[in-house]
């Protein structure tokens, strides 16, 4: 637990030098093979951008669990390793580990950043069709981002309208941002009307709407 807490602290402040020292001490004390310590090491290396080092730790662990897999998926996803994330995801399932909420967030995040719309759609649908999981707000937000970045604004809006969870202000703000990027003034204006349902509007939303109108007039 001492090593786990220390590595978590290094992850939070992105302190690679201290993380390396703690890793060395973990090896000296024979704790590197502990799955919880290994998970903390993978998280630390991932947040410091050293995916190869994270993968090295991951491969040394004989008895893996879903938390360890998710840590490795997160490390790849956060550092833009799209293909590696999906490869790990498929390998995890092949090895008998059932993906959970975190696993799908990693995959959908990668699909969004890489612009892989069809992959994102397929994984989003498999979440509830194949694994019988109820999509969370984060899953829906990721899928909306996938569609929004690709300019599939009508599909993104339809998804918001049919979301099985309570729609938060951040969801509408994300969609409004996509409208600004793709110059969809009419949709942006309509979406802005939904903000009246919330107690307070994010100041950034006013700026996004102003940008949309400015682009139209300019």
C-alpha atoms as a PDB file:
ATOM      1  CA  UNK A   1       0.000   0.000   0.000  1.00  0.00           C
ATOM      2  CA  UNK A   2       2.929   2.336   0.648  1.00  0.00           C
ATOM      3  CA  UNK A   3       4.177   1.906  -2.914  1.00  0.00           C
ATOM      4  CA  UNK A   4       0.665   2.312  -4.331  1.00  0.00           C
ATOM      5  CA  UNK A   5       0.079   5.584  -2.452  1.00  0.00           C
ATOM      6  CA  UNK A   6       3.493   6.942  -3.436  1.00  0.00           C
ATOM      7  CA  UNK A   7       3.005   6.054  -7.105  1.00  0.00           C
ATOM      8  CA  UNK A   8      -0.478   7.584  -7.058  1.00  0.00           C
ATOM      9  CA  UNK A   9       1.056  10.822  -5.761  1.00  0.00           C
ATOM     10  CA  UNK A  10       3.611  10.764  -8.590  1.00  0.00           C
ATOM     11  CA  UNK A  11       0.801  10.232 -11.104  1.00  0.00           C
ATOM     12  CA  UNK A  12      -1.171  13.179  -9.761  1.00  0.00           C
ATOM     13  CA  UNK A  13       1.723  15.617 -10.105  1.00  0.00           C
ATOM     14  CA  UNK A  14       3.310  13.930 -13.152  1.00  0.00           C
ATOM     15  CA  UNK A  15       6.606  13.386 -11.342  1.00  0.00           C
ATOM     16  CA  UNK A  16       8.538  10.896 -13.462  1.00  0.00           C
ATOM     17  CA  UNK A  17      11.844  11.199 -11.573  1.00  0.00           C
ATOM     18  CA  UNK A  18      10.233  10.218  -8.275  1.00  0.00           C
ATOM     19  CA  UNK A  19       8.158   7.563 -10.021  1.00  0.00           C
ATOM     20  CA  UNK A  20      11.290   5.934 -11.396  1.00  0.00           C
ATOM     21  CA  UNK A  21      12.898   5.907  -7.952  1.00  0.00           C
ATOM     22  CA  UNK A  22       9.808   4.339  -6.398  1.00  0.00           C
ATOM     23  CA  UNK A  23       9.693   1.750  -9.177  1.00  0.00           C
ATOM     24  CA  UNK A  24      13.278   0.797  -8.393  1.00  0.00           C
ATOM     25  CA  UNK A  25      12.433   0.426  -4.704  1.00  0.00           C
ATOM     26  CA  UNK A  26       9.385  -1.686  -5.583  1.00  0.00           C
ATOM     27  CA  UNK A  27      11.628  -4.034  -7.569  1.00  0.00           C
ATOM     28  CA  UNK A  28      14.169  -4.188  -4.724  1.00  0.00           C
ATOM     29  CA  UNK A  29      11.409  -5.115  -2.269  1.00  0.00           C
ATOM     30  CA  UNK A  30       9.907  -7.736  -4.592  1.00  0.00           C
ATOM     31  CA  UNK A  31       6.646  -5.798  -5.006  1.00  0.00           C
ATOM     32  CA  UNK A  32       6.721  -5.187  -8.774  1.00  0.00           C
ATOM     33  CA  UNK A  33       4.804  -8.420  -9.439  1.00  0.00           C
ATOM     34  CA  UNK A  34       1.933  -7.384  -7.169  1.00  0.00           C
ATOM     35  CA  UNK A  35      -1.023  -6.626  -9.457  1.00  0.00           C
ATOM     36  CA  UNK A  36      -2.048  -3.511  -7.508  1.00  0.00           C
ATOM     37  CA  UNK A  37       1.482  -2.079  -7.554  1.00  0.00           C
ATOM     38  CA  UNK A  38       1.772  -2.925 -11.248  1.00  0.00           C
ATOM     39  CA  UNK A  39      -1.522  -1.110 -11.919  1.00  0.00           C
ATOM     40  CA  UNK A  40      -0.205   1.970 -10.101  1.00  0.00           C
ATOM     41  CA  UNK A  41       3.039   1.784 -12.101  1.00  0.00           C
ATOM     42  CA  UNK A  42       1.152   1.569 -15.398  1.00  0.00           C
ATOM     43  CA  UNK A  43      -0.974   4.542 -14.405  1.00  0.00           C
ATOM     44  CA  UNK A  44       2.105   6.551 -13.453  1.00  0.00           C
ATOM     45  CA  UNK A  45       3.974   5.763 -16.678  1.00  0.00           C
ATOM     46  CA  UNK A  46       0.859   6.415 -18.742  1.00  0.00           C
ATOM     47  CA  UNK A  47       0.322   9.854 -17.236  1.00  0.00           C
ATOM     48  CA  UNK A  48       3.992  10.645 -17.807  1.00  0.00           C
ATOM     49  CA  UNK A  49       3.625   9.670 -21.475  1.00  0.00           C
ATOM     50  CA  UNK A  50       5.832   6.572 -21.318  1.00  0.00           C
ATOM     51  CA  UNK A  51       3.528   3.978 -22.841  1.00  0.00           C
ATOM     52  CA  UNK A  52       6.349   1.550 -23.667  1.00  0.00           C
ATOM     53  CA  UNK A  53       7.400   1.465 -20.004  1.00  0.00           C
ATOM     54  CA  UNK A  54       3.781   0.945 -18.965  1.00  0.00           C
ATOM     55  CA  UNK A  55       3.495  -1.928 -21.440  1.00  0.00           C
ATOM     56  CA  UNK A  56       6.722  -3.453 -20.110  1.00  0.00           C
ATOM     57  CA  UNK A  57       5.254  -3.552 -16.592  1.00  0.00           C
ATOM     58  CA  UNK A  58       1.975  -4.920 -17.942  1.00  0.00           C
ATOM     59  CA  UNK A  59       3.620  -7.808 -19.769  1.00  0.00           C
ATOM     60  CA  UNK A  60       5.562  -8.917 -16.703  1.00  0.00           C
ATOM     61  CA  UNK A  61       2.403  -9.622 -14.694  1.00  0.00           C
ATOM     62  CA  UNK A  62       1.280 -13.210 -14.953  1.00  0.00           C
ATOM     63  CA  UNK A  63      -2.071 -12.996 -13.163  1.00  0.00           C
ATOM     64  CA  UNK A  64      -3.842 -10.040 -14.731  1.00  0.00           C
ATOM     65  CA  UNK A  65      -7.245  -8.633 -13.857  1.00  0.00           C
ATOM     66  CA  UNK A  66      -9.691  -6.199 -15.474  1.00  0.00           C
ATOM     67  CA  UNK A  67      -8.308  -3.247 -13.470  1.00  0.00           C
ATOM     68  CA  UNK A  68      -4.814  -3.875 -14.814  1.00  0.00           C
ATOM     69  CA  UNK A  69      -6.130  -4.161 -18.374  1.00  0.00           C
ATOM     70  CA  UNK A  70      -8.070  -0.911 -17.975  1.00  0.00           C
ATOM     71  CA  UNK A  71      -4.972   0.862 -16.681  1.00  0.00           C
ATOM     72  CA  UNK A  72      -3.092  -0.214 -19.799  1.00  0.00           C
ATOM     73  CA  UNK A  73      -6.007   0.738 -22.058  1.00  0.00           C
ATOM     74  CA  UNK A  74      -6.153   4.150 -20.418  1.00  0.00           C
ATOM     75  CA  UNK A  75      -2.402   4.678 -20.848  1.00  0.00           C
ATOM     76  CA  UNK A  76      -2.674   3.956 -24.568  1.00  0.00           C
ATOM     77  CA  UNK A  77      -5.851   5.976 -25.053  1.00  0.00           C
ATOM     78  CA  UNK A  78      -4.640   9.059 -23.186  1.00  0.00           C
ATOM     79  CA  UNK A  79      -1.452   9.147 -25.259  1.00  0.00           C
ATOM     80  CA  UNK A  80      -3.151   8.839 -28.633  1.00  0.00           C
ATOM     81  CA  UNK A  81      -2.227   5.233 -29.396  1.00  0.00           C
ATOM     82  CA  UNK A  82      -5.487   4.404 -31.139  1.00  0.00           C
ATOM     83  CA  UNK A  83      -4.582   1.157 -32.875  1.00  0.00           C
ATOM     84  CA  UNK A  84      -2.827  -0.170 -29.769  1.00  0.00           C
ATOM     85  CA  UNK A  85      -5.886   0.608 -27.634  1.00  0.00           C
ATOM     86  CA  UNK A  86      -8.229  -1.360 -29.876  1.00  0.00           C
ATOM     87  CA  UNK A  87      -5.740  -4.224 -30.184  1.00  0.00           C
ATOM     88  CA  UNK A  88      -5.492  -4.432 -26.390  1.00  0.00           C
ATOM     89  CA  UNK A  89      -9.270  -4.273 -26.078  1.00  0.00           C
ATOM     90  CA  UNK A  90      -9.731  -7.240 -28.419  1.00  0.00           C
ATOM     91  CA  UNK A  91      -6.911  -9.169 -26.739  1.00  0.00           C
ATOM     92  CA  UNK A  92      -8.435  -8.557 -23.319  1.00  0.00           C
ATOM     93  CA  UNK A  93     -11.762 -10.034 -24.423  1.00  0.00           C
ATOM     94  CA  UNK A  94      -9.989 -12.920 -26.184  1.00  0.00           C
ATOM     95  CA  UNK A  95      -8.182 -13.721 -22.931  1.00  0.00           C
ATOM     96  CA  UNK A  96     -11.469 -14.005 -21.080  1.00  0.00           C
ATOM     97  CA  UNK A  97     -11.800 -10.575 -19.444  1.00  0.00           C
ATOM     98  CA  UNK A  98     -15.213  -8.978 -19.950  1.00  0.00           C
ATOM     99  CA  UNK A  99     -14.968  -5.236 -20.747  1.00  0.00           C
ATOM    100  CA  UNK A 100     -16.567  -2.913 -18.202  1.00  0.00           C
ATOM    101  CA  UNK A 101     -17.549   0.766 -18.100  1.00  0.00           C
ATOM    102  CA  UNK A 102     -13.955   2.018 -18.032  1.00  0.00           C
ATOM    103  CA  UNK A 103     -12.921  -0.249 -20.914  1.00  0.00           C
ATOM    104  CA  UNK A 104     -15.568   1.207 -23.203  1.00  0.00           C
ATOM    105  CA  UNK A 105     -14.776   4.789 -22.205  1.00  0.00           C
ATOM    106  CA  UNK A 106     -11.166   4.198 -23.291  1.00  0.00           C
ATOM    107  CA  UNK A 107     -12.219   2.736 -26.635  1.00  0.00           C
ATOM    108  CA  UNK A 108     -14.807   5.424 -27.387  1.00  0.00           C
ATOM    109  CA  UNK A 109     -12.366   8.176 -26.419  1.00  0.00           C
ATOM    110  CA  UNK A 110      -9.811   6.813 -28.868  1.00  0.00           C
ATOM    111  CA  UNK A 111     -12.416   6.521 -31.626  1.00  0.00           C
ATOM    112  CA  UNK A 112     -13.307  10.175 -31.054  1.00  0.00           C
ATOM    113  CA  UNK A 113      -9.727  11.445 -31.142  1.00  0.00           C
ATOM    114  CA  UNK A 114      -8.834   9.330 -34.166  1.00  0.00           C
ATOM    115  CA  UNK A 115     -12.005  10.166 -36.091  1.00  0.00           C
ATOM    116  CA  UNK A 116     -13.099   6.526 -36.278  1.00  0.00           C
ATOM    117  CA  UNK A 117     -16.846   7.011 -36.509  1.00  0.00           C
ATOM    118  CA  UNK A 118     -17.862   3.513 -37.557  1.00  0.00           C
ATOM    119  CA  UNK A 119     -15.600   1.873 -34.967  1.00  0.00           C
ATOM    120  CA  UNK A 120     -17.072   4.158 -32.334  1.00  0.00           C
ATOM    121  CA  UNK A 121     -20.621   3.384 -33.390  1.00  0.00           C
ATOM    122  CA  UNK A 122     -19.944  -0.357 -33.410  1.00  0.00           C
ATOM    123  CA  UNK A 123     -18.438  -0.358 -29.925  1.00  0.00           C
ATOM    124  CA  UNK A 124     -21.174   1.882 -28.544  1.00  0.00           C
ATOM    125  CA  UNK A 125     -23.836  -0.496 -29.854  1.00  0.00           C
ATOM    126  CA  UNK A 126     -21.986  -3.588 -28.614  1.00  0.00           C
ATOM    127  CA  UNK A 127     -21.903  -2.074 -25.138  1.00  0.00           C
ATOM    128  CA  UNK A 128     -25.593  -2.738 -24.619  1.00  0.00           C
ATOM    129  CA  UNK A 129     -26.368  -5.288 -27.346  1.00  0.00           C
ATOM    130  CA  UNK A 130     -23.529  -7.742 -26.679  1.00  0.00           C
ATOM    131  CA  UNK A 131     -22.584  -6.967 -23.089  1.00  0.00           C
ATOM    132  CA  UNK A 132     -26.003  -5.927 -21.790  1.00  0.00           C
ATOM    133  CA  UNK A 133     -24.599  -2.769 -20.174  1.00  0.00           C
ATOM    134  CA  UNK A 134     -26.597   0.415 -19.710  1.00  0.00           C
ATOM    135  CA  UNK A 135     -24.695   3.318 -21.345  1.00  0.00           C
ATOM    136  CA  UNK A 136     -23.556   5.864 -18.784  1.00  0.00           C
ATOM    137  CA  UNK A 137     -23.395   9.624 -19.254  1.00  0.00           C
ATOM    138  CA  UNK A 138     -19.672   9.307 -20.041  1.00  0.00           C
ATOM    139  CA  UNK A 139     -20.320   6.688 -22.734  1.00  0.00           C
ATOM    140  CA  UNK A 140     -22.953   8.884 -24.363  1.00  0.00           C
ATOM    141  CA  UNK A 141     -20.731  11.972 -24.096  1.00  0.00           C
ATOM    142  CA  UNK A 142     -17.900  10.095 -25.824  1.00  0.00           C
ATOM    143  CA  UNK A 143     -20.200   8.934 -28.631  1.00  0.00           C
ATOM    144  CA  UNK A 144     -21.585  12.447 -29.104  1.00  0.00           C
ATOM    145  CA  UNK A 145     -18.003  13.667 -29.359  1.00  0.00           C
ATOM    146  CA  UNK A 146     -17.260  10.965 -31.955  1.00  0.00           C
ATOM    147  CA  UNK A 147     -20.183  12.128 -34.091  1.00  0.00           C
ATOM    148  CA  UNK A 148     -19.647  15.834 -33.438  1.00  0.00           C
ATOM    149  CA  UNK A 149     -15.992  15.828 -34.448  1.00  0.00           C
ATOM    150  CA  UNK A 150     -16.911  14.022 -37.671  1.00  0.00           C
ATOM    151  CA  UNK A 151     -19.637  16.543 -38.506  1.00  0.00           C
ATOM    152  CA  UNK A 152     -22.450  14.033 -37.955  1.00  0.00           C
ATOM    153  CA  UNK A 153     -24.392  16.696 -36.057  1.00  0.00           C
ATOM    154  CA  UNK A 154     -27.872  15.397 -36.798  1.00  0.00           C
ATOM    155  CA  UNK A 155     -26.932  11.954 -35.493  1.00  0.00           C
ATOM    156  CA  UNK A 156     -25.303  13.514 -32.436  1.00  0.00           C
ATOM    157  CA  UNK A 157     -28.406  15.561 -31.657  1.00  0.00           C
ATOM    158  CA  UNK A 158     -30.621  12.510 -32.132  1.00  0.00           C
ATOM    159  CA  UNK A 159     -28.452  10.621 -29.659  1.00  0.00           C
ATOM    160  CA  UNK A 160     -28.820  13.410 -27.095  1.00  0.00           C
ATOM    161  CA  UNK A 161     -32.608  13.302 -27.527  1.00  0.00           C
ATOM    162  CA  UNK A 162     -32.670   9.552 -26.882  1.00  0.00           C
ATOM    163  CA  UNK A 163     -30.024   9.319 -24.156  1.00  0.00           C
ATOM    164  CA  UNK A 164     -31.034   6.856 -21.397  1.00  0.00           C
ATOM    165  CA  UNK A 165     -29.482   9.150 -18.777  1.00  0.00           C
ATOM    166  CA  UNK A 166     -30.073  12.702 -17.574  1.00  0.00           C
ATOM    167  CA  UNK A 167     -28.588  15.178 -20.044  1.00  0.00           C
ATOM    168  CA  UNK A 168     -26.174  17.597 -18.389  1.00  0.00           C
ATOM    169  CA  UNK A 169     -25.245  21.094 -19.501  1.00  0.00           C
ATOM    170  CA  UNK A 170     -21.810  19.855 -20.576  1.00  0.00           C
ATOM    171  CA  UNK A 171     -23.420  17.580 -23.185  1.00  0.00           C
ATOM    172  CA  UNK A 172     -25.239  20.458 -24.880  1.00  0.00           C
ATOM    173  CA  UNK A 173     -22.087  22.588 -24.652  1.00  0.00           C
ATOM    174  CA  UNK A 174     -20.109  19.848 -26.422  1.00  0.00           C
ATOM    175  CA  UNK A 175     -22.687  19.662 -29.190  1.00  0.00           C
ATOM    176  CA  UNK A 176     -22.761  23.459 -29.477  1.00  0.00           C
ATOM    177  CA  UNK A 177     -18.974  23.400 -29.859  1.00  0.00           C
ATOM    178  CA  UNK A 178     -19.320  20.917 -32.731  1.00  0.00           C
ATOM    179  CA  UNK A 179     -21.846  23.243 -34.382  1.00  0.00           C
ATOM    180  CA  UNK A 180     -19.312  26.072 -34.195  1.00  0.00           C
ATOM    181  CA  UNK A 181     -16.533  23.944 -35.685  1.00  0.00           C
ATOM    182  CA  UNK A 182     -18.705  22.823 -38.597  1.00  0.00           C
ATOM    183  CA  UNK A 183     -20.507  26.151 -39.068  1.00  0.00           C
ATOM    184  CA  UNK A 184     -24.026  24.835 -38.421  1.00  0.00           C
ATOM    185  CA  UNK A 185     -25.663  28.110 -37.379  1.00  0.00           C
ATOM    186  CA  UNK A 186     -29.282  26.973 -37.392  1.00  0.00           C
ATOM    187  CA  UNK A 187     -28.634  23.884 -35.310  1.00  0.00           C
ATOM    188  CA  UNK A 188     -26.437  25.863 -32.938  1.00  0.00           C
ATOM    189  CA  UNK A 189     -29.172  28.438 -32.391  1.00  0.00           C
ATOM    190  CA  UNK A 190     -31.719  25.731 -31.717  1.00  0.00           C
ATOM    191  CA  UNK A 191     -29.436  23.893 -29.320  1.00  0.00           C
ATOM    192  CA  UNK A 192     -28.794  27.123 -27.423  1.00  0.00           C
ATOM    193  CA  UNK A 193     -32.488  27.165 -26.467  1.00  0.00           C
ATOM    194  CA  UNK A 194     -31.953  24.072 -24.322  1.00  0.00           C
ATOM    195  CA  UNK A 195     -29.674  26.021 -22.007  1.00  0.00           C
ATOM    196  CA  UNK A 196     -32.703  27.759 -20.497  1.00  0.00           C
ATOM    197  CA  UNK A 197     -33.537  24.460 -18.789  1.00  0.00           C
ATOM    198  CA  UNK A 198     -30.484  24.812 -16.545  1.00  0.00           C
ATOM    199  CA  UNK A 199     -29.976  27.136 -13.586  1.00  0.00           C
ATOM    200  CA  UNK A 200     -26.879  28.748 -15.039  1.00  0.00           C
ATOM    201  CA  UNK A 201     -25.266  28.779 -18.442  1.00  0.00           C
ATOM    202  CA  UNK A 202     -21.584  28.065 -18.844  1.00  0.00           C
ATOM    203  CA  UNK A 203     -19.924  31.342 -19.977  1.00  0.00           C
ATOM    204  CA  UNK A 204     -18.066  29.326 -22.597  1.00  0.00           C
ATOM    205  CA  UNK A 205     -21.415  28.523 -24.195  1.00  0.00           C
ATOM    206  CA  UNK A 206     -22.135  32.211 -24.761  1.00  0.00           C
ATOM    207  CA  UNK A 207     -18.764  32.538 -26.475  1.00  0.00           C
ATOM    208  CA  UNK A 208     -19.452  29.509 -28.666  1.00  0.00           C
ATOM    209  CA  UNK A 209     -22.810  30.901 -29.721  1.00  0.00           C
ATOM    210  CA  UNK A 210     -21.276  34.313 -30.399  1.00  0.00           C
ATOM    211  CA  UNK A 211     -18.621  32.660 -32.582  1.00  0.00           C
ATOM    212  CA  UNK A 212     -21.316  30.841 -34.552  1.00  0.00           C
ATOM    213  CA  UNK A 213     -23.203  34.066 -35.281  1.00  0.00           C
ATOM    214  CA  UNK A 214     -19.989  35.921 -36.055  1.00  0.00           C
ATOM    215  CA  UNK A 215     -18.986  33.262 -38.570  1.00  0.00           C
ATOM    216  CA  UNK A 216     -22.351  33.554 -40.298  1.00  0.00           C
ATOM    217  CA  UNK A 217     -22.249  37.336 -40.500  1.00  0.00           C
ATOM    218  CA  UNK A 218     -18.603  37.349 -41.530  1.00  0.00           C
END
